[in-house]
PDB file of N, CA and C in Angstrom:
ATOM      1  N   MET A   1       0.991  -1.415   0.116  1.00  0.00           N
ATOM      2  CA  MET A   1      -0.186  -0.154  -0.071  1.00  0.00           C
ATOM      3  C   MET A   1       0.850   1.169  -0.274  1.00  0.00           C
ATOM      4  N   MET A   2       0.453   2.044  -0.450  1.00  0.00           N
ATOM      5  CA  MET A   2       1.335   3.975  -1.090  1.00  0.00           C
ATOM      6  C   MET A   2       1.076   4.385   0.472  1.00  0.00           C
ATOM      7  N   ASN A   3       1.906   5.089   0.901  1.00  0.00           N
ATOM      8  CA  ASN A   3       1.746   6.195   1.970  1.00  0.00           C
ATOM      9  C   ASN A   3       2.012   7.350   1.315  1.00  0.00           C
ATOM     10  N   TRP A   4       1.756   8.514   2.097  1.00  0.00           N
ATOM     11  CA  TRP A   4       1.596   9.518   1.647  1.00  0.00           C
ATOM     12  C   TRP A   4       3.363  10.328   0.852  1.00  0.00           C
ATOM     13  N   ASP A   5       4.351   9.656   1.872  1.00  0.00           N
ATOM     14  CA  ASP A   5       5.615  10.026   1.695  1.00  0.00           C
ATOM     15  C   ASP A   5       5.997   9.728   0.298  1.00  0.00           C
ATOM     16  N   ARG A   6       5.760   8.449  -0.378  1.00  0.00           N
ATOM     17  CA  ARG A   6       5.560   8.453  -1.946  1.00  0.00           C
ATOM     18  C   ARG A   6       5.486   9.545  -2.818  1.00  0.00           C
ATOM     19  N   VAL A   7       3.966  10.270  -2.405  1.00  0.00           N
ATOM     20  CA  VAL A   7       3.515  10.953  -3.143  1.00  0.00           C
ATOM     21  C   VAL A   7       4.238  12.511  -3.378  1.00  0.00           C
ATOM     22  N   GLU A   8       4.668  12.692  -2.334  1.00  0.00           N
ATOM     23  CA  GLU A   8       5.769  13.886  -1.872  1.00  0.00           C
ATOM     24  C   GLU A   8       6.856  13.565  -2.671  1.00  0.00           C
ATOM     25  N   GLY A   9       7.658  11.763  -2.466  1.00  0.00           N
ATOM     26  CA  GLY A   9       8.842  12.242  -3.511  1.00  0.00           C
ATOM     27  C   GLY A   9       8.499  12.325  -4.347  1.00  0.00           C
ATOM     28  N   ASN A  10       7.436  11.612  -5.590  1.00  0.00           N
ATOM     29  CA  ASN A  10       7.138  11.635  -6.649  1.00  0.00           C
ATOM     30  C   ASN A  10       6.310  12.753  -7.260  1.00  0.00           C
ATOM     31  N   TRP A  11       6.115  13.661  -6.760  1.00  0.00           N
ATOM     32  CA  TRP A  11       5.006  14.904  -7.180  1.00  0.00           C
ATOM     33  C   TRP A  11       4.963  14.779  -8.296  1.00  0.00           C
ATOM     34  N   LYS A  12       6.082  15.418  -8.841  1.00  0.00           N
ATOM     35  CA  LYS A  12       6.128  15.451 -10.302  1.00  0.00           C
ATOM     36  C   LYS A  12       5.429  14.535 -11.521  1.00  0.00           C
ATOM     37  N   GLN A  13       5.277  13.247 -10.956  1.00  0.00           N
ATOM     38  CA  GLN A  13       4.290  12.208 -11.299  1.00  0.00           C
ATOM     39  C   GLN A  13       2.671  12.072 -11.243  1.00  0.00           C
ATOM     40  N   PHE A  14       2.813  12.756  -9.918  1.00  0.00           N
ATOM     41  CA  PHE A  14       1.767  12.627  -9.225  1.00  0.00           C
ATOM     42  C   PHE A  14       0.376  14.249 -10.193  1.00  0.00           C
ATOM     43  N   LYS A  15       1.543  15.452 -10.641  1.00  0.00           N
ATOM     44  CA  LYS A  15       0.394  16.259 -10.640  1.00  0.00           C
ATOM     45  C   LYS A  15      -0.246  16.767 -11.459  1.00  0.00           C
ATOM     46  N   GLY A  16      -0.186  15.624 -12.828  1.00  0.00           N
ATOM     47  CA  GLY A  16      -0.903  15.549 -13.789  1.00  0.00           C
ATOM     48  C   GLY A  16      -1.574  15.029 -13.453  1.00  0.00           C
ATOM     49  N   ASN A  17      -2.142  13.657 -12.223  1.00  0.00           N
ATOM     50  CA  ASN A  17      -3.571  13.302 -11.694  1.00  0.00           C
ATOM     51  C   ASN A  17      -4.208  14.458 -11.180  1.00  0.00           C
ATOM     52  N   VAL A  18      -3.608  14.951  -9.871  1.00  0.00           N
ATOM     53  CA  VAL A  18      -3.858  16.088  -9.778  1.00  0.00           C
ATOM     54  C   VAL A  18      -4.596  16.884 -10.148  1.00  0.00           C
ATOM     55  N   LYS A  19      -3.975  17.675 -11.168  1.00  0.00           N
ATOM     56  CA  LYS A  19      -4.429  18.887 -12.033  1.00  0.00           C
ATOM     57  C   LYS A  19      -5.905  18.055 -12.706  1.00  0.00           C
ATOM     58  N   GLU A  20      -6.055  16.885 -13.270  1.00  0.00           N
ATOM     59  CA  GLU A  20      -7.137  16.260 -14.013  1.00  0.00           C
ATOM     60  C   GLU A  20      -8.366  16.407 -12.538  1.00  0.00           C
ATOM     61  N   LYS A  21      -7.815  15.956 -11.445  1.00  0.00           N
ATOM     62  CA  LYS A  21      -9.096  15.854 -10.912  1.00  0.00           C
ATOM     63  C   LYS A  21      -9.669  17.136 -10.064  1.00  0.00           C
ATOM     64  N   TRP A  22      -9.149  17.908  -9.835  1.00  0.00           N
ATOM     65  CA  TRP A  22      -9.352  19.522  -9.178  1.00  0.00           C
ATOM     66  C   TRP A  22      -8.261  20.936 -10.464  1.00  0.00           C
ATOM     67  N   GLY A  23      -9.275  20.448 -11.465  1.00  0.00           N
ATOM     68  CA  GLY A  23      -8.894  21.369 -13.063  1.00  0.00           C
ATOM     69  C   GLY A  23      -8.590  22.665 -12.281  1.00  0.00           C
ATOM     70  N   GLU A  24      -8.792  23.273 -11.129  1.00  0.00           N
ATOM     71  CA  GLU A  24      -8.779  25.011 -11.237  1.00  0.00           C
ATOM     72  C   GLU A  24      -7.608  25.238  -9.901  1.00  0.00           C
ATOM     73  N   LEU A  25      -6.663  23.941  -9.635  1.00  0.00           N
ATOM     74  CA  LEU A  25      -5.704  24.598  -9.241  1.00  0.00           C
ATOM     75  C   LEU A  25      -4.252  24.497 -10.676  1.00  0.00           C
ATOM     76  N   THR A  26      -3.573  25.836 -10.377  1.00  0.00           N
ATOM     77  CA  THR A  26      -2.424  26.157 -11.187  1.00  0.00           C
ATOM     78  C   THR A  26      -1.238  25.265 -11.656  1.00  0.00           C
ATOM     79  N   ASP A  27      -1.107  25.413 -12.542  1.00  0.00           N
ATOM     80  CA  ASP A  27       0.593  25.018 -12.285  1.00  0.00           C
ATOM     81  C   ASP A  27       1.382  25.571 -10.924  1.00  0.00           C
ATOM     82  N   ASP A  28       1.493  26.832 -11.256  1.00  0.00           N
ATOM     83  CA  ASP A  28       1.613  27.472  -9.559  1.00  0.00           C
ATOM     84  C   ASP A  28       1.438  26.703  -8.577  1.00  0.00           C
ATOM     85  N   ASP A  29       0.156  26.547  -8.268  1.00  0.00           N
ATOM     86  CA  ASP A  29      -0.338  25.992  -7.056  1.00  0.00           C
ATOM     87  C   ASP A  29       0.780  24.936  -6.730  1.00  0.00           C
ATOM     88  N   LEU A  30       0.357  24.040  -7.711  1.00  0.00           N
ATOM     89  CA  LEU A  30       1.192  22.356  -7.459  1.00  0.00           C
ATOM     90  C   LEU A  30       2.639  22.439  -7.388  1.00  0.00           C
ATOM     91  N   ASP A  31       2.939  23.659  -7.790  1.00  0.00           N
ATOM     92  CA  ASP A  31       4.691  23.847  -7.817  1.00  0.00           C
ATOM     93  C   ASP A  31       4.651  24.425  -6.293  1.00  0.00           C
ATOM     94  N   LYS A  32       4.300  25.172  -5.560  1.00  0.00           N
ATOM     95  CA  LYS A  32       3.669  25.668  -4.170  1.00  0.00           C
ATOM     96  C   LYS A  32       3.428  24.659  -3.005  1.00  0.00           C
ATOM     97  N   ILE A  33       2.482  23.651  -3.736  1.00  0.00           N
ATOM     98  CA  ILE A  33       2.030  22.161  -2.867  1.00  0.00           C
ATOM     99  C   ILE A  33       3.082  21.423  -2.938  1.00  0.00           C
ATOM    100  N   ALA A  34       3.817  21.217  -3.544  1.00  0.00           N
ATOM    101  CA  ALA A  34       5.227  20.421  -3.707  1.00  0.00           C
ATOM    102  C   ALA A  34       4.624  18.611  -3.082  1.00  0.00           C
ATOM    103  N   GLY A  35       3.808  18.481  -2.885  1.00  0.00           N
ATOM    104  CA  GLY A  35       2.979  17.209  -2.397  1.00  0.00           C
ATOM    105  C   GLY A  35       2.972  16.875  -1.287  1.00  0.00           C
ATOM    106  N   ARG A  36       2.941  18.092  -0.123  1.00  0.00           N
ATOM    107  CA  ARG A  36       2.444  18.205   0.723  1.00  0.00           C
ATOM    108  C   ARG A  36       0.761  18.017   0.792  1.00  0.00           C
ATOM    109  N   ARG A  37       0.674  17.449   1.640  1.00  0.00           N
ATOM    110  CA  ARG A  37      -0.811  17.219   1.547  1.00  0.00           C
ATOM    111  C   ARG A  37      -1.709  18.579   2.603  1.00  0.00           C
ATOM    112  N   ASP A  38      -0.872  18.589   3.798  1.00  0.00           N
ATOM    113  CA  ASP A  38      -1.677  19.965   3.934  1.00  0.00           C
ATOM    114  C   ASP A  38      -1.859  20.917   3.378  1.00  0.00           C
ATOM    115  N   GLN A  39      -0.981  21.357   2.533  1.00  0.00           N
ATOM    116  CA  GLN A  39      -0.635  22.535   1.679  1.00  0.00           C
ATOM    117  C   GLN A  39      -1.900  22.286   0.552  1.00  0.00           C
ATOM    118  N   LEU A  40      -2.046  21.120  -0.138  1.00  0.00           N
ATOM    119  CA  LEU A  40      -3.059  20.531  -1.381  1.00  0.00           C
ATOM    120  C   LEU A  40      -4.327  20.493  -0.279  1.00  0.00           C
ATOM    121  N   GLU A  41      -5.006  19.999   0.587  1.00  0.00           N
ATOM    122  CA  GLU A  41      -6.041  19.981   0.792  1.00  0.00           C
ATOM    123  C   GLU A  41      -6.528  21.863   1.297  1.00  0.00           C
ATOM    124  N   GLY A  42      -5.420  22.606   1.989  1.00  0.00           N
ATOM    125  CA  GLY A  42      -5.544  24.266   1.838  1.00  0.00           C
ATOM    126  C   GLY A  42      -6.075  24.999   0.452  1.00  0.00           C
ATOM    127  N   LYS A  43      -5.391  24.291  -0.241  1.00  0.00           N
ATOM    128  CA  LYS A  43      -5.065  24.935  -1.649  1.00  0.00           C
ATOM    129  C   LYS A  43      -6.864  24.563  -2.334  1.00  0.00           C
ATOM    130  N   LEU A  44      -7.512  23.832  -2.013  1.00  0.00           N
ATOM    131  CA  LEU A  44      -8.634  23.186  -2.174  1.00  0.00           C
ATOM    132  C   LEU A  44      -9.728  23.826  -1.652  1.00  0.00           C
ATOM    133  N   GLN A  45      -9.390  23.885  -0.759  1.00  0.00           N
ATOM    134  CA  GLN A  45     -10.529  24.873   0.288  1.00  0.00           C
ATOM    135  C   GLN A  45     -10.560  26.252  -0.529  1.00  0.00           C
ATOM    136  N   GLU A  46      -9.698  26.726  -0.311  1.00  0.00           N
ATOM    137  CA  GLU A  46      -8.902  27.987  -1.173  1.00  0.00           C
ATOM    138  C   GLU A  46      -9.955  28.002  -2.363  1.00  0.00           C
ATOM    139  N   ARG A  47      -9.426  27.317  -3.415  1.00  0.00           N
ATOM    140  CA  ARG A  47      -9.779  27.396  -4.911  1.00  0.00           C
ATOM    141  C   ARG A  47     -11.520  27.270  -4.861  1.00  0.00           C
ATOM    142  N   TYR A  48     -12.297  25.656  -3.933  1.00  0.00           N
ATOM    143  CA  TYR A  48     -13.588  25.086  -4.398  1.00  0.00           C
ATOM    144  C   TYR A  48     -13.942  25.635  -2.949  1.00  0.00           C
ATOM    145  N   GLY A  49     -14.108  26.742  -2.125  1.00  0.00           N
ATOM    146  CA  GLY A  49     -14.373  26.514  -0.768  1.00  0.00           C
ATOM    147  C   GLY A  49     -15.121  26.181   0.045  1.00  0.00           C
ATOM    148  N   TYR A  50     -14.748  24.522  -0.501  1.00  0.00           N
ATOM    149  CA  TYR A  50     -15.168  23.413   0.175  1.00  0.00           C
ATOM    150  C   TYR A  50     -14.577  23.428   1.600  1.00  0.00           C
ATOM    151  N   ALA A  51     -15.374  22.637   2.294  1.00  0.00           N
ATOM    152  CA  ALA A  51     -15.192  22.761   3.970  1.00  0.00           C
ATOM    153  C   ALA A  51     -13.618  21.650   4.284  1.00  0.00           C
ATOM    154  N   LYS A  52     -13.533  21.545   5.037  1.00  0.00           N
ATOM    155  CA  LYS A  52     -11.767  20.747   5.669  1.00  0.00           C
ATOM    156  C   LYS A  52     -12.055  19.425   5.899  1.00  0.00           C
ATOM    157  N   ASP A  53     -13.399  19.190   6.378  1.00  0.00           N
ATOM    158  CA  ASP A  53     -13.879  17.605   6.161  1.00  0.00           C
ATOM    159  C   ASP A  53     -14.160  16.643   4.810  1.00  0.00           C
ATOM    160  N   LYS A  54     -14.536  18.043   3.873  1.00  0.00           N
ATOM    161  CA  LYS A  54     -14.767  17.495   2.772  1.00  0.00           C
ATOM    162  C   LYS A  54     -13.973  17.451   1.740  1.00  0.00           C
ATOM    163  N   VAL A  55     -12.919  18.487   2.184  1.00  0.00           N
ATOM    164  CA  VAL A  55     -11.542  18.161   1.272  1.00  0.00           C
ATOM    165  C   VAL A  55     -10.619  17.141   1.762  1.00  0.00           C
ATOM    166  N   SER A  56     -10.799  16.694   2.615  1.00  0.00           N
ATOM    167  CA  SER A  56      -9.686  15.982   3.912  1.00  0.00           C
ATOM    168  C   SER A  56     -10.565  14.416   3.013  1.00  0.00           C
ATOM    169  N   SER A  57     -11.603  13.698   2.961  1.00  0.00           N
ATOM    170  CA  SER A  57     -12.535  12.933   2.207  1.00  0.00           C
ATOM    171  C   SER A  57     -11.970  12.824   0.768  1.00  0.00           C
ATOM    172  N   ASP A  58     -12.305  13.961   0.188  1.00  0.00           N
ATOM    173  CA  ASP A  58     -12.041  14.208  -1.143  1.00  0.00           C
ATOM    174  C   ASP A  58     -10.003  13.503  -1.627  1.00  0.00           C
ATOM    175  N   VAL A  59      -9.823  14.169  -0.939  1.00  0.00           N
ATOM    176  CA  VAL A  59      -7.946  14.072  -0.866  1.00  0.00           C
ATOM    177  C   VAL A  59      -7.950  12.429  -0.246  1.00  0.00           C
ATOM    178  N   ASP A  60      -8.709  11.593   0.201  1.00  0.00           N
ATOM    179  CA  ASP A  60      -8.652  10.150   0.713  1.00  0.00           C
ATOM    180  C   ASP A  60      -9.020   9.712  -0.403  1.00  0.00           C
ATOM    181  N   ASP A  61     -10.195  10.243  -0.900  1.00  0.00           N
ATOM    182  CA  ASP A  61     -10.652   9.492  -1.985  1.00  0.00           C
ATOM    183  C   ASP A  61      -9.947   8.638  -3.219  1.00  0.00           C
ATOM    184  N   TRP A  62      -9.126  10.304  -3.470  1.00  0.00           N
ATOM    185  CA  TRP A  62      -8.224  10.707  -4.620  1.00  0.00           C
ATOM    186  C   TRP A  62      -7.159   9.724  -4.270  1.00  0.00           C
ATOM    187  N   PHE A  63      -6.509  10.100  -3.141  1.00  0.00           N
ATOM    188  CA  PHE A  63      -4.980   8.779  -2.232  1.00  0.00           C
ATOM    189  C   PHE A  63      -5.246   7.479  -2.904  1.00  0.00           C
ATOM    190  N   LYS A  64      -6.619   7.035  -2.677  1.00  0.00           N
ATOM    191  CA  LYS A  64      -7.010   5.308  -2.819  1.00  0.00           C
ATOM    192  C   LYS A  64      -7.202   4.934  -4.229  1.00  0.00           C
ATOM    193  N   THR A  65      -6.621   5.773  -5.237  1.00  0.00           N
ATOM    194  CA  THR A  65      -7.489   5.547  -6.333  1.00  0.00           C
ATOM    195  C   THR A  65      -6.125   5.035  -7.189  1.00  0.00           C
ATOM    196  N   LEU A  66      -4.747   5.875  -6.068  1.00  0.00           N
ATOM    197  CA  LEU A  66      -3.122   5.764  -6.618  1.00  0.00           C
ATOM    198  C   LEU A  66      -2.813   4.438  -6.792  1.00  0.00           C
ATOM    199  N   ARG A  67      -1.802   3.740  -7.566  1.00  0.00           N
ATOM    200  CA  ARG A  67      -1.862   2.803  -7.101  1.00  0.00           C
ATOM    201  C   ARG A  67       0.840   3.046  -7.362  1.00  0.00           C
TER     202      ARG A  67
END
């Protein structure tokens, strides 16, 4: 099973997948996030206006799709 450290370490590979899922994130946003989950969640809250629990759930769901 994958852990979040692997996402951070391979962020460049996952950026396209993130952009596909959350298209309102810019390339600059993705560079600043740099694979950090807390940064991703914060940026999703900012861009989409989601509540913290919704963002956390959405990121969990996305993370489960990764192999």
